[in-house]
Amino acid sequence: MADADKKTCATCGEPKPILSFGRAGKYARSSCRECISEINKKYRESKTSDELKFISIKSNYGIDREGFIDLLIEQDFKCPICLDPLDFQKLHTDHSHETGKVRGILDPRCNTALGKFKDNVATLTRAQAYLEVRG
């Protein structure tokens, strides 16, 4: 293998095939996939599941722990659709797929239902009418 096809990992210091490195845009990352995987594993192990959940929510939806808790308080710790008390192990962050804006915290069933109706108000209205007429 030619030297041009190899790169030295910035983390472990070992020369490895260029294909052992992920991409950052058009360039290969400075650390190999194996080292990145180990770094990520150690990071996850250093955090509690709650911390990881809020890191994910912040990353995906742009709201921090306080914003999330404010939503729960605003909703009286209940799903705004079914009004059942929320199970804190199974919270779903509902958001607009068009704008990315967080709309609320839902019960998993209600979040799935909205997704199945593709967040389409007209379809949901027809479903409501159907249920009202046909019971």
C-alpha atoms as a PDB file:
ATOM      1  CA  MET A   1       0.000   0.000   0.000  1.00  0.00           C
ATOM      2  CA  ALA A   2       1.432   3.392  -0.970  1.00  0.00           C
ATOM      3  CA  ASP A   3       1.991   6.078   1.700  1.00  0.00           C
ATOM      4  CA  ALA A   4      -0.592   8.261  -0.078  1.00  0.00           C
ATOM      5  CA  ASP A   5      -3.197   5.622   0.807  1.00  0.00           C
ATOM      6  CA  LYS A   6      -2.281   5.797   4.516  1.00  0.00           C
ATOM      7  CA  LYS A   7      -2.779   8.338   7.256  1.00  0.00           C
ATOM      8  CA  THR A   8      -1.516   8.477  10.840  1.00  0.00           C
ATOM      9  CA  CYS A   9      -4.257   8.602  13.446  1.00  0.00           C
ATOM     10  CA  ALA A  10      -3.965  11.661  15.701  1.00  0.00           C
ATOM     11  CA  THR A  11      -5.277   9.654  18.680  1.00  0.00           C
ATOM     12  CA  CYS A  12      -3.464   6.295  18.584  1.00  0.00           C
ATOM     13  CA  GLY A  13      -0.534   7.385  16.410  1.00  0.00           C
ATOM     14  CA  GLU A  14      -0.792   4.343  14.139  1.00  0.00           C
ATOM     15  CA  PRO A  15      -0.552   4.649  10.360  1.00  0.00           C
ATOM     16  CA  LYS A  16      -3.741   3.189   8.874  1.00  0.00           C
ATOM     17  CA  PRO A  17      -5.406   2.929   5.475  1.00  0.00           C
ATOM     18  CA  ILE A  18      -7.188   6.147   4.564  1.00  0.00           C
ATOM     19  CA  LEU A  19     -10.453   4.178   4.445  1.00  0.00           C
ATOM     20  CA  SER A  20     -10.116   3.666   8.237  1.00  0.00           C
ATOM     21  CA  PHE A  21     -10.958   7.344   8.719  1.00  0.00           C
ATOM     22  CA  GLY A  22     -14.370   8.966   8.523  1.00  0.00           C
ATOM     23  CA  ARG A  23     -14.942  12.077   6.477  1.00  0.00           C
ATOM     24  CA  ALA A  24     -15.345  15.675   7.600  1.00  0.00           C
ATOM     25  CA  GLY A  25     -16.557  17.305   4.427  1.00  0.00           C
ATOM     26  CA  LYS A  26     -14.104  16.408   1.688  1.00  0.00           C
ATOM     27  CA  TYR A  27     -11.257  15.632   4.116  1.00  0.00           C
ATOM     28  CA  ALA A  28     -10.551  12.526   6.180  1.00  0.00           C
ATOM     29  CA  ARG A  29     -10.958  13.000   9.945  1.00  0.00           C
ATOM     30  CA  SER A  30      -7.794  13.221  12.038  1.00  0.00           C
ATOM     31  CA  SER A  31      -8.674  10.189  14.190  1.00  0.00           C
ATOM     32  CA  CYS A  32      -9.497   6.734  12.872  1.00  0.00           C
ATOM     33  CA  ARG A  33     -12.994   5.254  13.199  1.00  0.00           C
ATOM     34  CA  GLU A  34     -11.807   2.804  15.867  1.00  0.00           C
ATOM     35  CA  CYS A  35     -10.472   5.620  18.073  1.00  0.00           C
ATOM     36  CA  ILE A  36     -13.542   7.798  17.488  1.00  0.00           C
ATOM     37  CA  SER A  37     -15.722   4.855  18.491  1.00  0.00           C
ATOM     38  CA  GLU A  38     -13.728   4.393  21.704  1.00  0.00           C
ATOM     39  CA  ILE A  39     -13.860   8.133  22.481  1.00  0.00           C
ATOM     40  CA  ASN A  40     -17.650   8.144  21.963  1.00  0.00           C
ATOM     41  CA  LYS A  41     -18.064   5.041  24.121  1.00  0.00           C
ATOM     42  CA  LYS A  42     -16.088   6.604  26.986  1.00  0.00           C
ATOM     43  CA  TYR A  43     -18.098   9.813  26.642  1.00  0.00           C
ATOM     44  CA  ARG A  44     -21.433   7.929  26.806  1.00  0.00           C
ATOM     45  CA  GLU A  45     -20.213   5.930  29.819  1.00  0.00           C
ATOM     46  CA  SER A  46     -19.315   9.176  31.619  1.00  0.00           C
ATOM     47  CA  LYS A  47     -22.898  10.496  31.323  1.00  0.00           C
ATOM     48  CA  THR A  48     -26.123   9.371  32.951  1.00  0.00           C
ATOM     49  CA  SER A  49     -29.004   8.310  30.709  1.00  0.00           C
ATOM     50  CA  ASP A  50     -30.824  11.555  31.653  1.00  0.00           C
ATOM     51  CA  GLU A  51     -27.806  13.649  30.660  1.00  0.00           C
ATOM     52  CA  LEU A  52     -27.573  11.823  27.324  1.00  0.00           C
ATOM     53  CA  LYS A  53     -31.305  12.333  26.735  1.00  0.00           C
ATOM     54  CA  PHE A  54     -31.033  16.092  27.289  1.00  0.00           C
ATOM     55  CA  ILE A  55     -27.873  16.323  25.174  1.00  0.00           C
ATOM     56  CA  SER A  56     -29.775  14.581  22.366  1.00  0.00           C
ATOM     57  CA  ILE A  57     -32.824  16.859  22.784  1.00  0.00           C
ATOM     58  CA  LYS A  58     -30.599  19.953  22.714  1.00  0.00           C
ATOM     59  CA  SER A  59     -28.761  18.691  19.653  1.00  0.00           C
ATOM     60  CA  ASN A  60     -31.873  17.606  17.746  1.00  0.00           C
ATOM     61  CA  TYR A  61     -34.404  20.260  18.772  1.00  0.00           C
ATOM     62  CA  GLY A  62     -32.433  23.187  20.174  1.00  0.00           C
ATOM     63  CA  ILE A  63     -34.062  23.221  23.617  1.00  0.00           C
ATOM     64  CA  ASP A  64     -32.128  22.735  26.821  1.00  0.00           C
ATOM     65  CA  ARG A  65     -33.106  20.957  30.034  1.00  0.00           C
ATOM     66  CA  GLU A  66     -34.806  24.081  31.430  1.00  0.00           C
ATOM     67  CA  GLY A  67     -36.829  24.620  28.250  1.00  0.00           C
ATOM     68  CA  PHE A  68     -37.888  20.985  28.293  1.00  0.00           C
ATOM     69  CA  ILE A  69     -38.942  21.198  31.950  1.00  0.00           C
ATOM     70  CA  ASP A  70     -40.823  24.448  31.221  1.00  0.00           C
ATOM     71  CA  LEU A  71     -42.830  22.576  28.564  1.00  0.00           C
ATOM     72  CA  LEU A  72     -43.641  19.801  31.034  1.00  0.00           C
ATOM     73  CA  ILE A  73     -44.814  22.338  33.626  1.00  0.00           C
ATOM     74  CA  GLU A  74     -46.870  24.206  30.990  1.00  0.00           C
ATOM     75  CA  GLN A  75     -48.528  20.871  30.091  1.00  0.00           C
ATOM     76  CA  ASP A  76     -49.092  20.003  33.780  1.00  0.00           C
ATOM     77  CA  PHE A  77     -46.913  16.905  33.229  1.00  0.00           C
ATOM     78  CA  LYS A  78     -49.634  15.439  30.975  1.00  0.00           C
ATOM     79  CA  CYS A  79     -49.764  14.623  27.298  1.00  0.00           C
ATOM     80  CA  PRO A  80     -51.711  17.513  25.696  1.00  0.00           C
ATOM     81  CA  ILE A  81     -53.504  15.071  23.379  1.00  0.00           C
ATOM     82  CA  CYS A  82     -54.630  12.119  25.526  1.00  0.00           C
ATOM     83  CA  LEU A  83     -54.237  13.974  28.875  1.00  0.00           C
ATOM     84  CA  ASP A  84     -52.579  10.921  30.454  1.00  0.00           C
ATOM     85  CA  PRO A  85     -49.759  11.623  32.930  1.00  0.00           C
ATOM     86  CA  LEU A  86     -46.430  11.437  31.125  1.00  0.00           C
ATOM     87  CA  ASP A  87     -44.096   8.522  31.843  1.00  0.00           C
ATOM     88  CA  PHE A  88     -40.705  10.179  32.304  1.00  0.00           C
ATOM     89  CA  GLN A  89     -38.928   7.156  30.841  1.00  0.00           C
ATOM     90  CA  LYS A  90     -40.927   7.397  27.607  1.00  0.00           C
ATOM     91  CA  LEU A  91     -41.232  11.067  26.713  1.00  0.00           C
ATOM     92  CA  HIS A  92     -41.404  12.058  23.051  1.00  0.00           C
ATOM     93  CA  THR A  93     -40.453  15.526  21.878  1.00  0.00           C
ATOM     94  CA  ASP A  94     -43.010  16.529  19.269  1.00  0.00           C
ATOM     95  CA  HIS A  95     -41.777  18.926  16.620  1.00  0.00           C
ATOM     96  CA  SER A  96     -42.768  20.297  13.237  1.00  0.00           C
ATOM     97  CA  HIS A  97     -40.969  18.472  10.451  1.00  0.00           C
ATOM     98  CA  GLU A  98     -41.274  21.621   8.332  1.00  0.00           C
ATOM     99  CA  THR A  99     -39.851  24.174  10.780  1.00  0.00           C
ATOM    100  CA  GLY A 100     -38.125  21.958  13.361  1.00  0.00           C
ATOM    101  CA  LYS A 101     -39.904  23.932  16.116  1.00  0.00           C
ATOM    102  CA  VAL A 102     -40.795  21.947  19.233  1.00  0.00           C
ATOM    103  CA  ARG A 103     -44.560  21.848  19.802  1.00  0.00           C
ATOM    104  CA  GLY A 104     -44.692  19.883  23.026  1.00  0.00           C
ATOM    105  CA  ILE A 105     -43.889  16.709  24.926  1.00  0.00           C
ATOM    106  CA  LEU A 106     -46.140  13.773  24.057  1.00  0.00           C
ATOM    107  CA  ASP A 107     -46.997  10.266  25.121  1.00  0.00           C
ATOM    108  CA  PRO A 108     -45.340   7.840  22.659  1.00  0.00           C
ATOM    109  CA  ARG A 109     -48.713   6.634  21.312  1.00  0.00           C
ATOM    110  CA  CYS A 110     -49.900  10.160  20.577  1.00  0.00           C
ATOM    111  CA  ASN A 111     -46.606  11.095  18.948  1.00  0.00           C
ATOM    112  CA  THR A 112     -46.780   7.988  16.752  1.00  0.00           C
ATOM    113  CA  ALA A 113     -50.404   8.751  15.845  1.00  0.00           C
ATOM    114  CA  LEU A 114     -49.499  12.269  14.694  1.00  0.00           C
ATOM    115  CA  GLY A 115     -46.677  10.809  12.639  1.00  0.00           C
ATOM    116  CA  LYS A 116     -48.977   8.274  11.010  1.00  0.00           C
ATOM    117  CA  PHE A 117     -51.318  11.121  10.050  1.00  0.00           C
ATOM    118  CA  LYS A 118     -48.250  12.955   8.694  1.00  0.00           C
ATOM    119  CA  ASP A 119     -49.088  15.985  10.889  1.00  0.00           C
ATOM    120  CA  ASN A 120     -51.864  16.755   8.404  1.00  0.00           C
ATOM    121  CA  VAL A 121     -54.684  18.721  10.072  1.00  0.00           C
ATOM    122  CA  ALA A 122     -57.161  17.963   7.253  1.00  0.00           C
ATOM    123  CA  THR A 123     -56.559  14.216   7.600  1.00  0.00           C
ATOM    124  CA  LEU A 124     -56.913  14.424  11.381  1.00  0.00           C
ATOM    125  CA  THR A 125     -60.157  16.387  10.990  1.00  0.00           C
ATOM    126  CA  ARG A 126     -61.530  13.703   8.650  1.00  0.00           C
ATOM    127  CA  ALA A 127     -60.481  11.020  11.152  1.00  0.00           C
ATOM    128  CA  GLN A 128     -62.318  12.899  13.903  1.00  0.00           C
ATOM    129  CA  ALA A 129     -65.444  13.216  11.750  1.00  0.00           C
ATOM    130  CA  TYR A 130     -65.246   9.529  10.892  1.00  0.00           C
ATOM    131  CA  LEU A 131     -65.100   8.568  14.566  1.00  0.00           C
ATOM    132  CA  GLU A 132     -67.947  10.943  15.447  1.00  0.00           C
ATOM    133  CA  VAL A 133     -70.200   9.453  12.739  1.00  0.00           C
ATOM    134  CA  ARG A 134     -69.192   5.803  12.975  1.00  0.00           C
ATOM    135  CA  GLY A 135     -68.290   5.648  16.644  1.00  0.00           C
END
